[in-house]
Amino acid sequence: MKIIFRDENPDLMNKYLTNGTRSVPKLICSENESGKVIGTWGPRPEGIKQKAEKFKFENPRFATDEFKKQLHLWYAQDRGDSVQYDFLIFLNRQF
């Protein structure tokens, strides 16, 4: 496992944009010897991503602070379950 920082690696991050932004966290899984990328994940679990898209659709003129508050509420209620579920799916597809 290698952790890199977004702002110190713009060329790499630009290869894995999310809706045109350098969103984090971003998991990039590659083969150790060849460096070939075999999968990516992030920045949000699918369940929370769907809630965020629905919120934005239903509230086209939302305030950023309002959205961030709702997003933190979803994460708190979820207690990490969605991230764990997505990681299990991700790992099962890769290996």
C-alpha atoms as a PDB file:
ATOM      1  CA  MET A   1       0.000   0.000   0.000  1.00  0.00           C
ATOM      2  CA  LYS A   2       1.289   3.387  -0.952  1.00  0.00           C
ATOM      3  CA  ILE A   3      -0.391   6.606   0.162  1.00  0.00           C
ATOM      4  CA  ILE A   4       0.139   9.700  -1.925  1.00  0.00           C
ATOM      5  CA  PHE A   5      -1.160  13.210  -1.467  1.00  0.00           C
ATOM      6  CA  ARG A   6      -3.492  14.725  -4.025  1.00  0.00           C
ATOM      7  CA  ASP A   7      -1.928  18.179  -4.158  1.00  0.00           C
ATOM      8  CA  GLU A   8       1.605  16.793  -4.529  1.00  0.00           C
ATOM      9  CA  ASN A   9       0.637  14.502  -7.450  1.00  0.00           C
ATOM     10  CA  PRO A  10      -1.527  16.530  -9.856  1.00  0.00           C
ATOM     11  CA  ASP A  11      -0.603  14.524 -12.980  1.00  0.00           C
ATOM     12  CA  LEU A  12      -1.694  11.249 -11.412  1.00  0.00           C
ATOM     13  CA  MET A  13      -4.832  12.742  -9.888  1.00  0.00           C
ATOM     14  CA  ASN A  14      -5.823  14.280 -13.225  1.00  0.00           C
ATOM     15  CA  LYS A  15      -6.000  10.742 -14.651  1.00  0.00           C
ATOM     16  CA  TYR A  16      -8.656   9.799 -12.075  1.00  0.00           C
ATOM     17  CA  LEU A  17     -10.973  12.804 -11.837  1.00  0.00           C
ATOM     18  CA  THR A  18     -14.460  12.472 -10.407  1.00  0.00           C
ATOM     19  CA  ASN A  19     -16.923  14.644 -12.317  1.00  0.00           C
ATOM     20  CA  GLY A  20     -14.007  16.839 -13.362  1.00  0.00           C
ATOM     21  CA  THR A  21     -12.596  17.312  -9.848  1.00  0.00           C
ATOM     22  CA  ARG A  22      -9.717  15.886  -7.846  1.00  0.00           C
ATOM     23  CA  SER A  23     -11.976  14.330  -5.251  1.00  0.00           C
ATOM     24  CA  VAL A  24     -10.558  12.379  -2.331  1.00  0.00           C
ATOM     25  CA  PRO A  25     -10.249   9.760  -1.066  1.00  0.00           C
ATOM     26  CA  LYS A  26      -9.384   7.839  -4.199  1.00  0.00           C
ATOM     27  CA  LEU A  27      -8.144   4.252  -4.133  1.00  0.00           C
ATOM     28  CA  ILE A  28      -6.077   3.262  -7.153  1.00  0.00           C
ATOM     29  CA  CYS A  29      -5.218  -0.434  -7.118  1.00  0.00           C
ATOM     30  CA  SER A  30      -2.308  -1.487  -9.311  1.00  0.00           C
ATOM     31  CA  GLU A  31      -0.179  -4.561  -9.869  1.00  0.00           C
ATOM     32  CA  ASN A  32       3.004  -4.339  -7.851  1.00  0.00           C
ATOM     33  CA  GLU A  33       5.488  -5.312 -10.568  1.00  0.00           C
ATOM     34  CA  SER A  34       3.952  -3.864 -13.729  1.00  0.00           C
ATOM     35  CA  GLY A  35       2.187  -0.868 -12.202  1.00  0.00           C
ATOM     36  CA  LYS A  36      -0.862  -1.703 -14.338  1.00  0.00           C
ATOM     37  CA  VAL A  37      -4.006  -0.223 -12.801  1.00  0.00           C
ATOM     38  CA  ILE A  38      -6.531  -2.976 -12.109  1.00  0.00           C
ATOM     39  CA  GLY A  39      -9.237  -0.873 -10.482  1.00  0.00           C
ATOM     40  CA  THR A  40     -10.192   2.364  -8.759  1.00  0.00           C
ATOM     41  CA  TRP A  41     -12.647   3.349  -6.045  1.00  0.00           C
ATOM     42  CA  GLY A  42     -13.834   6.617  -4.596  1.00  0.00           C
ATOM     43  CA  PRO A  43     -14.427   9.189  -3.458  1.00  0.00           C
ATOM     44  CA  ARG A  44     -17.802   8.129  -2.053  1.00  0.00           C
ATOM     45  CA  PRO A  45     -19.512   4.812  -1.471  1.00  0.00           C
ATOM     46  CA  GLU A  46     -22.247   4.073  -3.995  1.00  0.00           C
ATOM     47  CA  GLY A  47     -25.086   4.373  -1.464  1.00  0.00           C
ATOM     48  CA  ILE A  48     -24.027   7.852  -0.359  1.00  0.00           C
ATOM     49  CA  LYS A  49     -23.280   8.852  -3.958  1.00  0.00           C
ATOM     50  CA  GLN A  50     -26.875   8.014  -4.911  1.00  0.00           C
ATOM     51  CA  LYS A  51     -28.220  10.057  -1.987  1.00  0.00           C
ATOM     52  CA  ALA A  52     -26.023  13.013  -2.969  1.00  0.00           C
ATOM     53  CA  GLU A  53     -27.181  12.870  -6.598  1.00  0.00           C
ATOM     54  CA  LYS A  54     -30.822  12.678  -5.509  1.00  0.00           C
ATOM     55  CA  PHE A  55     -30.381  15.626  -3.134  1.00  0.00           C
ATOM     56  CA  LYS A  56     -28.777  17.742  -5.865  1.00  0.00           C
ATOM     57  CA  PHE A  57     -31.518  16.824  -8.354  1.00  0.00           C
ATOM     58  CA  GLU A  58     -34.300  17.643  -5.905  1.00  0.00           C
ATOM     59  CA  ASN A  59     -32.574  20.845  -4.707  1.00  0.00           C
ATOM     60  CA  PRO A  60     -31.041  22.440  -7.827  1.00  0.00           C
ATOM     61  CA  ARG A  61     -30.283  25.693  -6.000  1.00  0.00           C
ATOM     62  CA  PHE A  62     -28.860  24.109  -2.870  1.00  0.00           C
ATOM     63  CA  ALA A  63     -26.363  25.951  -0.709  1.00  0.00           C
ATOM     64  CA  THR A  64     -22.987  24.236  -0.383  1.00  0.00           C
ATOM     65  CA  ASP A  65     -23.122  24.443   3.410  1.00  0.00           C
ATOM     66  CA  GLU A  66     -26.566  22.816   3.380  1.00  0.00           C
ATOM     67  CA  PHE A  67     -25.301  19.994   1.186  1.00  0.00           C
ATOM     68  CA  LYS A  68     -22.195  19.412   3.342  1.00  0.00           C
ATOM     69  CA  LYS A  69     -24.369  19.256   6.456  1.00  0.00           C
ATOM     70  CA  GLN A  70     -26.626  16.659   4.813  1.00  0.00           C
ATOM     71  CA  LEU A  71     -23.611  14.698   3.573  1.00  0.00           C
ATOM     72  CA  HIS A  72     -22.079  14.533   7.066  1.00  0.00           C
ATOM     73  CA  LEU A  73     -25.440  13.429   8.452  1.00  0.00           C
ATOM     74  CA  TRP A  74     -25.614  10.562   5.931  1.00  0.00           C
ATOM     75  CA  TYR A  75     -22.101   9.445   6.816  1.00  0.00           C
ATOM     76  CA  ALA A  76     -22.879   9.576  10.553  1.00  0.00           C
ATOM     77  CA  GLN A  77     -26.062   7.538  10.139  1.00  0.00           C
ATOM     78  CA  ASP A  78     -24.304   5.032   7.881  1.00  0.00           C
ATOM     79  CA  ARG A  79     -21.432   4.521  10.375  1.00  0.00           C
ATOM     80  CA  GLY A  80     -19.052   3.299   7.654  1.00  0.00           C
ATOM     81  CA  ASP A  81     -21.254   0.423   6.488  1.00  0.00           C
ATOM     82  CA  SER A  82     -21.420   1.686   2.879  1.00  0.00           C
ATOM     83  CA  VAL A  83     -17.651   2.083   2.613  1.00  0.00           C
ATOM     84  CA  GLN A  84     -17.092  -1.449   3.910  1.00  0.00           C
ATOM     85  CA  TYR A  85     -19.711  -2.865   1.534  1.00  0.00           C
ATOM     86  CA  ASP A  86     -18.193  -1.067  -1.474  1.00  0.00           C
ATOM     87  CA  PHE A  87     -14.667  -2.225  -0.543  1.00  0.00           C
ATOM     88  CA  LEU A  88     -15.826  -5.838  -0.334  1.00  0.00           C
ATOM     89  CA  ILE A  89     -17.397  -5.593  -3.789  1.00  0.00           C
ATOM     90  CA  PHE A  90     -14.311  -3.833  -5.143  1.00  0.00           C
ATOM     91  CA  LEU A  91     -11.926  -6.453  -3.745  1.00  0.00           C
ATOM     92  CA  ASN A  92     -14.054  -9.373  -4.936  1.00  0.00           C
ATOM     93  CA  ARG A  93     -14.047  -7.964  -8.489  1.00  0.00           C
ATOM     94  CA  GLN A  94     -10.276  -7.450  -8.513  1.00  0.00           C
ATOM     95  CA  PHE A  95      -9.139 -10.690  -6.939  1.00  0.00           C
END
